[in-house]
Protein backbone atom coordinates (compact mmCIF):
# COMPACT_ATOMS: atom_id res chain seq x y z
CA UNK A 1 12.60 9.81 18.62
CA UNK A 2 9.05 10.08 17.41
CA UNK A 3 6.95 7.31 15.97
CA UNK A 4 7.27 7.23 12.18
CA UNK A 5 5.87 3.77 11.61
CA UNK A 6 3.53 3.17 8.72
CA UNK A 7 -0.06 2.04 9.37
CA UNK A 8 -0.56 -1.69 9.17
CA UNK A 9 -2.29 -2.87 6.02
CA UNK A 10 -3.56 -6.20 4.87
CA UNK A 11 -1.80 -8.01 2.03
CA UNK A 12 -4.82 -7.45 -0.20
CA UNK A 13 -4.88 -3.74 0.60
CA UNK A 14 -1.20 -3.36 -0.25
CA UNK A 15 -1.67 -5.36 -3.45
CA UNK A 16 -4.62 -3.19 -4.52
CA UNK A 17 -2.68 0.00 -3.89
CA UNK A 18 0.23 -1.18 -6.04
CA UNK A 19 0.52 0.43 -9.48
CA UNK A 20 0.99 -2.95 -11.17
CA UNK A 21 -2.23 -4.35 -9.71
CA UNK A 22 -4.15 -1.22 -10.66
CA UNK A 23 -2.88 -1.54 -14.23
CA UNK A 24 -3.95 -5.18 -14.28
CA UNK A 25 -7.43 -4.23 -13.08
CA UNK A 26 -7.71 -1.48 -15.71
CA UNK A 27 -6.39 -3.88 -18.35
CA UNK A 28 -8.99 -6.50 -17.38
CA UNK A 29 -11.83 -3.95 -17.60
CA UNK A 30 -10.65 -2.57 -20.95
CA UNK A 31 -10.08 -6.08 -22.29
CA UNK A 32 -13.57 -7.20 -21.23
CA UNK A 33 -15.23 -4.16 -22.80
CA UNK A 34 -13.18 -4.63 -25.98
CA UNK A 35 -14.06 -8.32 -26.25
CA UNK A 36 -17.78 -7.63 -25.73
CA UNK A 37 -17.68 -4.89 -28.36
CA UNK A 38 -15.80 -7.22 -30.71
CA UNK A 39 -18.32 -10.00 -30.13
CA UNK A 40 -21.20 -7.65 -30.83
CA UNK A 41 -19.54 -6.35 -34.01
CA UNK A 42 -18.65 -9.84 -35.28
CA UNK A 43 -22.11 -11.18 -34.47
CA UNK A 44 -23.80 -8.31 -36.30
CA UNK A 45 -21.37 -8.51 -39.22
CA UNK A 46 -21.69 -12.28 -39.62
CA UNK A 47 -25.48 -12.21 -39.31
CA UNK A 48 -25.84 -9.27 -41.68
CA UNK A 49 -23.59 -10.84 -44.31
CA UNK A 50 -25.33 -14.22 -44.17
CA UNK A 51 -28.78 -12.59 -44.28
CA UNK A 52 -27.66 -10.63 -47.34
CA UNK A 53 -26.46 -13.82 -49.04
CA UNK A 54 -29.78 -15.50 -48.19
CA UNK A 55 -31.70 -12.54 -49.60
CA UNK A 56 -29.72 -12.80 -52.87
CA UNK A 57 -30.60 -16.50 -53.18
CA UNK A 58 -34.31 -15.84 -52.56
CA UNK A 59 -34.35 -12.93 -55.05
CA UNK A 60 -32.99 -15.27 -57.72
CA UNK A 61 -35.70 -17.75 -56.83
CA UNK A 62 -38.33 -15.02 -57.23
CA UNK A 63 -36.88 -14.15 -60.63
CA UNK A 64 -37.11 -17.84 -61.55
CA UNK A 65 -40.76 -18.05 -60.46
CA UNK A 66 -41.58 -14.74 -62.20
CA UNK A 67 -40.54 -16.32 -65.50
CA UNK A 68 -43.27 -18.97 -65.19
CA UNK A 69 -46.86 -18.54 -66.32
CA UNK A 70 -49.58 -18.41 -63.69
CA UNK A 71 -50.90 -21.89 -64.53
CA UNK A 72 -47.50 -23.58 -63.99
CA UNK A 73 -46.53 -21.81 -60.74
CA UNK A 74 -48.38 -24.11 -58.32
CA UNK A 75 -46.90 -27.23 -59.98
CA UNK A 76 -43.40 -25.71 -59.86
CA UNK A 77 -43.76 -25.04 -56.14
CA UNK A 78 -45.04 -28.57 -55.59
CA UNK A 79 -42.06 -30.05 -57.47
CA UNK A 80 -39.65 -27.95 -55.44
CA UNK A 81 -41.12 -29.22 -52.18
CA UNK A 82 -40.93 -32.83 -53.39
CA UNK A 83 -37.22 -32.47 -54.12
CA UNK A 84 -36.40 -30.74 -50.78
CA UNK A 85 -34.23 -33.15 -48.81
CA UNK A 86 -33.26 -31.03 -45.79
CA UNK A 87 -36.37 -28.85 -45.89
CA UNK A 88 -34.32 -25.64 -45.81
CA UNK A 89 -36.78 -23.68 -48.01
CA UNK A 90 -40.45 -22.84 -47.52
CA UNK A 91 -42.88 -21.70 -50.20
CA UNK A 92 -46.38 -20.29 -50.12
CA UNK A 93 -48.74 -18.99 -52.82
CA UNK A 94 -51.80 -16.97 -51.80
CA UNK A 95 -54.72 -15.55 -53.76
CA UNK A 96 -55.33 -11.79 -53.96
CA UNK A 97 -57.74 -12.07 -51.03
CA UNK A 98 -55.09 -13.92 -48.93
CA UNK A 99 -56.36 -17.47 -49.18
CA UNK A 100 -53.94 -20.38 -49.42
CA UNK A 101 -53.28 -21.67 -52.96
CA UNK A 102 -50.13 -23.83 -52.88
CA UNK A 103 -46.93 -24.56 -50.96
CA UNK A 104 -46.16 -25.62 -47.39
CA UNK A 105 -46.74 -22.16 -45.85
CA UNK A 106 -50.41 -22.09 -44.90
CA UNK A 107 -50.85 -18.41 -43.99
CA UNK A 108 -49.27 -15.09 -44.76
CA UNK A 109 -46.80 -14.23 -41.98
CA UNK A 110 -47.88 -11.11 -40.12
CA UNK A 111 -45.73 -8.07 -40.79
CA UNK A 112 -44.25 -9.41 -44.03
CA UNK A 113 -44.71 -6.78 -46.76
CA UNK A 114 -44.81 -7.94 -50.44
CA UNK A 115 -41.94 -5.66 -51.46
CA UNK A 116 -39.22 -8.27 -52.04
CA UNK A 117 -37.45 -7.12 -48.88
CA UNK A 118 -35.87 -9.72 -46.60
CA UNK A 119 -37.25 -10.05 -43.06
CA UNK A 120 -36.03 -12.35 -40.29
CA UNK A 121 -38.94 -14.13 -38.62
CA UNK A 122 -38.73 -15.61 -35.13
CA UNK A 123 -39.33 -19.24 -34.31
CA UNK A 124 -42.93 -20.48 -34.83
CA UNK A 125 -43.77 -17.50 -37.05
CA UNK A 126 -44.72 -19.74 -40.01
CA UNK A 127 -47.76 -22.02 -40.19
CA UNK A 128 -46.60 -25.06 -42.17
CA UNK A 129 -48.24 -28.18 -43.50
CA UNK A 130 -46.15 -30.38 -41.20
CA UNK A 131 -47.53 -28.67 -38.11
CA UNK A 132 -44.07 -28.73 -36.52
CA UNK A 133 -42.62 -25.55 -34.96
CA UNK A 134 -40.88 -23.54 -37.64
CA UNK A 135 -37.26 -22.47 -37.08
CA UNK A 136 -35.91 -18.95 -37.38
CA UNK A 137 -36.26 -18.09 -41.08
CA UNK A 138 -35.46 -15.33 -43.50
CA UNK A 139 -38.64 -14.53 -45.47
CA UNK A 140 -39.40 -12.49 -48.57
CA UNK A 141 -42.69 -11.84 -50.41
CA UNK A 142 -43.76 -10.26 -53.70
CA UNK A 143 -47.10 -9.45 -55.30
CA UNK A 144 -47.35 -10.90 -58.78
CA UNK A 145 -48.95 -9.19 -61.77
CA UNK A 146 -52.07 -11.33 -61.36
CA UNK A 147 -52.51 -10.13 -57.77
CA UNK A 148 -51.33 -13.33 -56.09
CA UNK A 149 -48.69 -13.17 -53.32
CA UNK A 150 -45.67 -15.47 -53.40
CA UNK A 151 -43.86 -16.06 -50.10
CA UNK A 152 -40.36 -17.56 -49.88
CA UNK A 153 -38.63 -18.43 -46.59
CA UNK A 154 -35.21 -19.93 -45.91
CA UNK A 155 -34.07 -21.69 -42.73
CA UNK A 156 -31.38 -19.71 -40.84
CA UNK A 157 -30.55 -22.48 -38.36
CA UNK A 158 -27.19 -23.27 -39.95
CA UNK A 159 -26.31 -19.58 -40.15
CA UNK A 160 -27.15 -19.04 -36.47
CA UNK A 161 -25.19 -22.17 -35.59
CA UNK A 162 -22.11 -20.86 -37.42
CA UNK A 163 -22.48 -17.48 -35.73
CA UNK A 164 -22.82 -19.10 -32.32
CA UNK A 165 -19.75 -21.26 -32.95
CA UNK A 166 -17.70 -18.19 -33.88
CA UNK A 167 -18.91 -16.28 -30.81
CA UNK A 168 -18.24 -19.25 -28.51
CA UNK A 169 -14.72 -19.57 -29.94
CA UNK A 170 -14.12 -15.86 -29.39
CA UNK A 171 -15.47 -16.01 -25.84
CA UNK A 172 -13.32 -19.03 -24.99
CA UNK A 173 -10.23 -17.51 -26.55
CA UNK A 174 -10.90 -14.15 -24.92
CA UNK A 175 -11.33 -15.71 -21.48
CA UNK A 176 -8.15 -17.71 -21.97
CA UNK A 177 -6.24 -14.58 -22.98
CA UNK A 178 -7.76 -12.63 -20.08
CA UNK A 179 -6.85 -15.30 -17.52
CA UNK A 180 -3.36 -15.65 -18.97
CA UNK A 181 -2.90 -11.87 -18.94
CA UNK A 182 -4.16 -11.47 -15.38
CA UNK A 183 -2.08 -14.40 -14.11
CA UNK A 184 1.00 -13.04 -15.86
CA UNK A 185 0.29 -9.57 -14.53
CA UNK A 186 -0.17 -10.89 -10.99
CA UNK A 187 3.11 -12.77 -11.29
CA UNK A 188 4.81 -9.54 -12.30
CA UNK A 189 2.96 -7.74 -9.50
CA UNK A 190 4.23 -10.25 -6.92
CA UNK A 191 7.77 -9.75 -8.18
CA UNK A 192 7.43 -5.99 -8.07
CA UNK A 193 5.87 -6.13 -4.60
CA UNK A 194 8.81 -8.17 -3.35
CA UNK A 195 11.19 -5.57 -4.70
CA UNK A 196 9.12 -2.75 -3.20
CA UNK A 197 9.00 -4.56 0.17
CA UNK A 198 12.78 -4.82 0.14
CA UNK A 199 13.04 -1.12 -0.76
CA UNK A 200 10.53 -0.27 1.98
CA UNK A 201 12.52 -2.15 4.62
CA UNK A 202 15.69 -0.34 3.61
CA UNK A 203 14.03 3.08 3.54
CA UNK A 204 12.65 2.47 7.04
CA UNK A 205 16.19 1.79 8.22
CA UNK A 206 17.38 4.94 6.50
CA UNK A 207 14.54 6.97 8.04
CA UNK A 208 15.62 5.67 11.46
CA UNK A 209 19.10 7.10 10.91
CA UNK A 210 21.07 4.23 9.38
CA UNK A 211 22.49 6.10 6.39
CA UNK A 212 24.77 3.19 5.53
CA UNK A 213 21.84 1.27 4.02
CA UNK A 214 21.38 1.19 0.24
CA UNK A 215 18.36 0.39 -1.91
CA UNK A 216 18.47 -3.04 -3.62
CA UNK A 217 19.10 -2.83 -7.36
CA UNK A 218 19.32 -5.29 -10.26
CA UNK A 219 15.90 -5.10 -11.94
CA UNK A 220 17.12 -3.06 -14.95
CA UNK A 221 13.93 -0.99 -15.11
CA UNK A 222 12.59 2.37 -13.89
CA UNK A 223 12.68 1.24 -10.25
CA UNK A 224 16.29 0.16 -10.67
CA UNK A 225 17.18 3.51 -12.25
CA UNK A 226 15.51 5.32 -9.34
CA UNK A 227 17.37 3.05 -6.89
CA UNK A 228 20.71 4.02 -8.45
CA UNK A 229 19.86 7.72 -8.16
CA UNK A 230 18.71 7.39 -4.53
CA UNK A 231 21.80 5.35 -3.62
CA UNK A 232 24.03 8.01 -5.15
CA UNK A 233 22.15 10.66 -3.19
CA UNK A 234 22.52 8.64 0.02
CA UNK A 235 26.25 8.31 -0.53
CA UNK A 236 26.55 12.07 -0.80
CA UNK A 237 24.31 12.64 2.24
CA UNK A 238 26.28 10.10 4.28
CA UNK A 239 29.57 11.69 3.24
CA UNK A 240 28.39 15.18 4.19
CA UNK A 241 26.89 13.95 7.46
CA UNK A 242 30.10 12.14 8.35
CA UNK A 243 32.10 15.26 7.58
CA UNK A 244 29.84 17.41 9.75
CA UNK A 245 29.77 14.79 12.50
CA UNK A 246 33.52 14.36 12.34
CA UNK A 247 34.03 18.10 12.58
CA UNK A 248 31.64 18.38 15.56
CA UNK A 249 33.20 15.40 17.33
CA UNK A 250 36.66 16.77 16.64
CA UNK A 251 35.71 20.16 18.05
CA UNK A 252 34.17 18.55 21.14
CA UNK A 253 37.18 16.30 21.66
CA UNK A 254 39.72 19.06 21.06
CA UNK A 255 37.98 21.56 23.34
CA UNK A 256 37.52 19.07 26.14
CA UNK A 257 41.27 18.90 26.82
CA UNK A 258 41.81 22.70 27.03
CA UNK A 259 38.74 22.99 29.23
CA UNK A 260 40.14 20.35 31.53
CA UNK A 261 43.36 22.35 31.70
CA UNK A 262 41.38 25.52 32.40
CA UNK A 263 39.55 23.74 35.22
CA UNK A 264 42.87 22.62 36.70
CA UNK A 265 44.21 26.17 36.52
CA UNK A 266 41.04 27.45 38.18
CA UNK A 267 41.65 24.95 40.95
CA UNK A 268 45.14 26.33 41.50
CA UNK A 269 43.76 29.88 41.45
CA UNK A 270 41.17 28.87 44.03
CA UNK A 271 43.91 27.54 46.31
CA UNK A 272 45.83 30.84 46.01
CA UNK A 273 42.69 32.91 46.56
CA UNK A 274 42.03 30.99 49.79
CA UNK A 275 45.48 32.01 50.99
CA UNK A 276 44.83 35.63 50.03
CA UNK A 277 41.44 35.44 51.80
CA UNK A 278 39.68 37.30 48.97
CA UNK A 279 36.00 36.31 49.12
CA UNK A 280 35.06 37.98 45.82
CA UNK A 281 37.84 36.30 43.88
CA UNK A 282 36.96 32.92 45.44
CA UNK A 283 33.32 33.32 44.40
CA UNK A 284 34.26 34.20 40.83
CA UNK A 285 36.66 31.28 40.63
CA UNK A 286 34.02 28.87 41.97
CA UNK A 287 31.53 30.17 39.42
CA UNK A 288 34.06 29.78 36.62
CA UNK A 289 34.77 26.21 37.74
CA UNK A 290 31.02 25.40 37.73
CA UNK A 291 30.63 26.79 34.19
CA UNK A 292 33.66 24.81 33.07
CA UNK A 293 32.24 21.63 34.61
CA UNK A 294 28.96 22.27 32.76
CA UNK A 295 30.83 22.65 29.47
CA UNK A 296 32.78 19.45 30.12
CA UNK A 297 29.52 17.62 30.86
CA UNK A 298 28.07 18.85 27.57
CA UNK A 299 31.08 17.72 25.58
CA UNK A 300 31.01 14.33 27.29
CA UNK A 301 27.31 13.96 26.47
CA UNK A 302 27.87 14.98 22.84
CA UNK A 303 30.64 12.42 22.46
CA UNK A 304 28.46 9.79 24.14
CA UNK A 305 25.61 10.43 21.67
CA UNK A 306 28.07 10.17 18.80
CA UNK A 307 29.45 6.95 20.26
CA UNK A 308 25.96 5.43 20.53
CA UNK A 309 25.08 6.52 17.00
CA UNK A 310 28.14 4.86 15.52
CA UNK A 311 27.45 1.49 17.10
CA UNK A 312 26.99 -1.36 14.63
CA UNK A 313 23.24 -1.96 14.50
CA UNK A 314 22.43 -4.91 16.78
CA UNK A 315 26.06 -5.97 16.53
CA UNK A 316 26.56 -6.44 20.28
CA UNK A 317 22.97 -7.22 21.22
CA UNK A 318 21.97 -10.11 23.45
CA UNK A 319 18.92 -11.35 25.32
CA UNK A 320 17.87 -8.87 28.02
CA UNK A 321 15.54 -9.63 30.95
CA UNK A 322 13.73 -6.33 31.34
CA UNK A 323 12.20 -7.14 34.72
CA UNK A 324 15.64 -7.64 36.33
CA UNK A 325 16.95 -4.51 34.60
CA UNK A 326 14.06 -2.33 35.79
CA UNK A 327 14.38 -3.59 39.37
CA UNK A 328 18.13 -2.93 39.30
CA UNK A 329 17.59 0.66 38.09
CA UNK A 330 14.93 1.12 40.77
CA UNK A 331 17.25 -0.06 43.55
CA UNK A 332 19.94 2.36 42.33
CA UNK A 333 17.58 5.37 42.53
CA UNK A 334 15.80 4.58 45.82
CA UNK A 335 18.43 6.40 47.95
CA UNK A 336 18.24 9.46 45.67
CA UNK A 337 14.44 9.49 46.03
CA UNK A 338 14.76 9.49 49.83
CA UNK A 339 17.36 12.25 49.67
CA UNK A 340 15.01 14.45 47.61
CA UNK A 341 11.91 13.55 49.67
CA UNK A 342 10.19 11.85 46.72
CA UNK A 343 7.91 8.83 46.74
CA UNK A 344 9.46 6.38 44.26
CA UNK A 345 7.33 3.39 43.17
CA UNK A 346 8.58 0.55 40.97
CA UNK A 347 6.01 -1.86 39.51
CA UNK A 348 7.23 -4.68 37.29
CA UNK A 349 5.83 -7.93 36.00
CA UNK A 350 7.35 -10.82 34.10
CA UNK A 351 7.62 -9.96 30.41
CA UNK A 352 9.08 -11.67 27.39
CA UNK A 353 12.84 -11.22 26.92
CA UNK A 354 14.00 -8.66 24.37
CA UNK A 355 17.03 -8.44 22.10
CA UNK A 356 19.14 -5.41 22.97
CA UNK A 357 22.14 -3.83 24.66
CA UNK A 358 21.65 -4.04 28.43
CA UNK A 359 24.18 -1.31 29.26
CA UNK A 360 22.61 1.17 26.82
CA UNK A 361 19.09 0.48 28.10
CA UNK A 362 20.31 0.89 31.68
CA UNK A 363 21.78 4.27 30.74
CA UNK A 364 18.57 5.35 28.96
CA UNK A 365 16.27 4.41 31.87
CA UNK A 366 18.68 6.12 34.30
CA UNK A 367 18.54 9.35 32.27
CA UNK A 368 14.73 9.25 32.26
CA UNK A 369 14.66 8.83 36.03
CA UNK A 370 17.19 11.65 36.40
CA UNK A 371 14.83 13.94 34.49
CA UNK A 372 11.80 12.80 36.46
CA UNK A 373 13.57 13.36 39.81
CA UNK A 374 14.92 16.74 38.67
CA UNK A 375 11.53 18.19 37.72
CA UNK A 376 9.38 16.60 40.43
CA UNK A 377 8.99 18.84 43.50
CA UNK A 378 9.69 17.57 47.03
CA UNK A 379 6.86 15.36 48.25
CA UNK A 380 5.98 14.35 44.69
CA UNK A 381 5.64 10.85 43.23
CA UNK A 382 7.70 9.15 40.53
CA UNK A 383 6.41 5.85 39.24
CA UNK A 384 8.31 3.39 37.06
CA UNK A 385 6.38 0.42 35.65
CA UNK A 386 6.94 -2.52 33.34
CA UNK A 387 4.10 -4.52 31.83
CA UNK A 388 3.44 -6.87 28.96
CA UNK A 389 1.24 -5.72 26.07
CA UNK A 390 0.05 -7.69 23.02
CA UNK A 391 2.78 -5.99 20.97
CA UNK A 392 5.59 -6.41 23.51
CA UNK A 393 6.98 -5.04 26.81
CA UNK A 394 6.10 -1.46 27.75
CA UNK A 395 8.10 0.68 30.19
CA UNK A 396 6.50 3.83 31.62
CA UNK A 397 8.01 6.53 33.84
CA UNK A 398 5.41 8.90 35.29
CA UNK A 399 5.91 11.92 37.54
CA UNK A 400 3.64 14.65 38.90
CA UNK A 401 5.93 17.54 38.06
CA UNK A 402 5.18 20.43 35.68
CA UNK A 403 5.01 18.11 32.66
CA UNK A 404 6.10 18.84 29.08
CA UNK A 405 3.94 21.09 26.86
CA UNK A 406 2.52 19.44 23.76
CA UNK A 407 4.46 21.66 21.35
CA UNK A 408 7.78 20.78 23.04
CA UNK A 409 7.45 16.97 23.22
CA UNK A 410 9.34 16.38 19.98
CA UNK A 411 11.83 19.19 20.54
CA UNK A 412 13.01 17.91 23.95
CA UNK A 413 14.44 14.85 22.20
CA UNK A 414 16.77 17.05 20.17
CA UNK A 415 20.24 18.07 21.31
CA UNK A 416 20.65 21.10 23.59
CA UNK A 417 16.94 21.91 23.72
CA UNK A 418 15.84 23.45 27.00
CA UNK A 419 12.21 24.28 27.59
CA UNK A 420 11.17 27.75 28.70
CA UNK A 421 10.13 26.43 32.08
CA UNK A 422 13.37 24.55 32.75
CA UNK A 423 16.11 26.96 31.69
CA UNK A 424 16.74 27.94 35.31
CA UNK A 425 17.65 24.34 36.22
CA UNK A 426 21.12 22.88 35.82
CA UNK A 427 21.66 20.57 32.85
CA UNK A 428 23.01 20.32 29.33
CA UNK A 429 19.82 19.52 27.47
CA UNK A 430 21.36 16.27 26.22
CA UNK A 431 19.89 13.67 28.60
CA UNK A 432 16.83 12.93 26.48
CA UNK A 433 18.98 13.10 23.33
CA UNK A 434 20.98 10.17 24.69
CA UNK A 435 17.73 8.31 25.41
CA UNK A 436 16.54 9.03 21.86
CA UNK A 437 19.83 7.74 20.42
CA UNK A 438 19.55 4.51 22.45
CA UNK A 439 15.96 3.97 21.32
CA UNK A 440 16.93 4.61 17.71
CA UNK A 441 19.64 1.94 17.88
CA UNK A 442 17.08 -0.56 19.27
CA UNK A 443 14.25 0.45 16.87
CA UNK A 444 12.16 1.15 19.97
CA UNK A 445 9.67 4.01 20.24
CA UNK A 446 9.62 6.72 22.90
CA UNK A 447 6.39 8.62 23.46
CA UNK A 448 5.91 11.62 25.72
CA UNK A 449 2.42 12.21 27.09
CA UNK A 450 0.54 13.99 29.83
CA UNK A 451 0.04 12.37 33.24
CA UNK A 452 -2.34 15.14 34.43
CA UNK A 453 -0.39 16.49 36.20
CA UNK A 454 3.14 15.66 35.20
CA UNK A 455 4.78 13.85 32.33
CA UNK A 456 4.36 10.28 31.12
CA UNK A 457 7.24 8.79 29.14
CA UNK A 458 6.47 5.46 27.46
CA UNK A 459 9.09 3.16 25.93
CA UNK A 460 7.65 0.61 23.51
CA UNK A 461 10.20 -2.20 23.59
CA UNK A 462 9.43 -3.74 20.24
CA UNK A 463 10.71 -3.02 16.77
CA UNK A 464 8.84 -0.48 14.66
CA UNK A 465 10.11 -1.97 11.41
CA UNK A 466 7.33 -3.52 9.29
CA UNK A 467 7.91 -6.50 6.99
């Protein structure tokens, strides 16, 4: 079983990579740009319309003053200024050479052409009789028939105040809508992320071989529709897998009995051949019995893998003390190490208890030691260790045999695989398949590495499933 775990990510990273959060971010950017464009358009439209209305008023005033004779113009301007209550209008009359004649504007504003065109002048652009800073004004000038220049100006403070009020209201409303939209979107994102987390947990279980799992449904949206389709697909896959598995198990079970009968018959033939004292026949019968025993071992291993795979996940699990288990396995294999002239070293330290099936783990570690002893030459070293890591307990079995080539490290965990360098040795090619099945049931990870020389098999005794 290879490591298929996903890389760990922070909550923020997962949130950013979610489609919902990306849409919220894009929505916020588009909304902000739209609001700024709207504010600019409204500000320009409101200002332009109010300036146009002001220009119309001043043009009517110019028409009024144009109807007066030259001698009455200064008095008319003076009367207008006396009746100004809010001082919203400014007037100025200047001689042809630009000298002040009448009004409260003391000098011609720079840049104001006498063409009856409206111009917005910045603050303090007018010199007035009061000497106070002038507000922002809209000004207009014309040259009269007698050569004098008449200047009219109108205070835009109220217009700018109205425009600013409208813009402030739009900004406040826009921010409120943006915050409400983002908060609502984040709420939907959290809900979607919870659904996706649940789907992710189930798909991890399915990827680990538990085809009985089904994706959660009930959202009545595109994800729910996809979940229904995937669940239907899983039902078909599980049905087909069960049919294939049932057929294979049936074949293995049905052939095991005839093979046992064949072995019994070969035993009877061997007894008769001993009486006949035929060495050739005895050798052939012994070879046939060995081949039959090998076939029976393969069928037993296949049925054992099937039995492990059909266990209810964690159904019979309990607390397991790994240190005691490792020491027990080591004591069992010490005599075999002496028999094969191997140096067998067991190193264990106190580790945290794990949740698992003690009998299955004992079988898995025994199969790993069987492999290590089988491929380690006489005089070699096999080392079995247990230590605590930040993630959990780690079991390692290291030998100084020929090792496992890099391109075969995944294949050796499959059923019946025999490496090119090990085909001459006895075995069914199912020992590591049993180990892989046990690790899959426990959600543990098995890694095969290089001990330089030899093989290093690491068992990570902690779950690979991410929340």
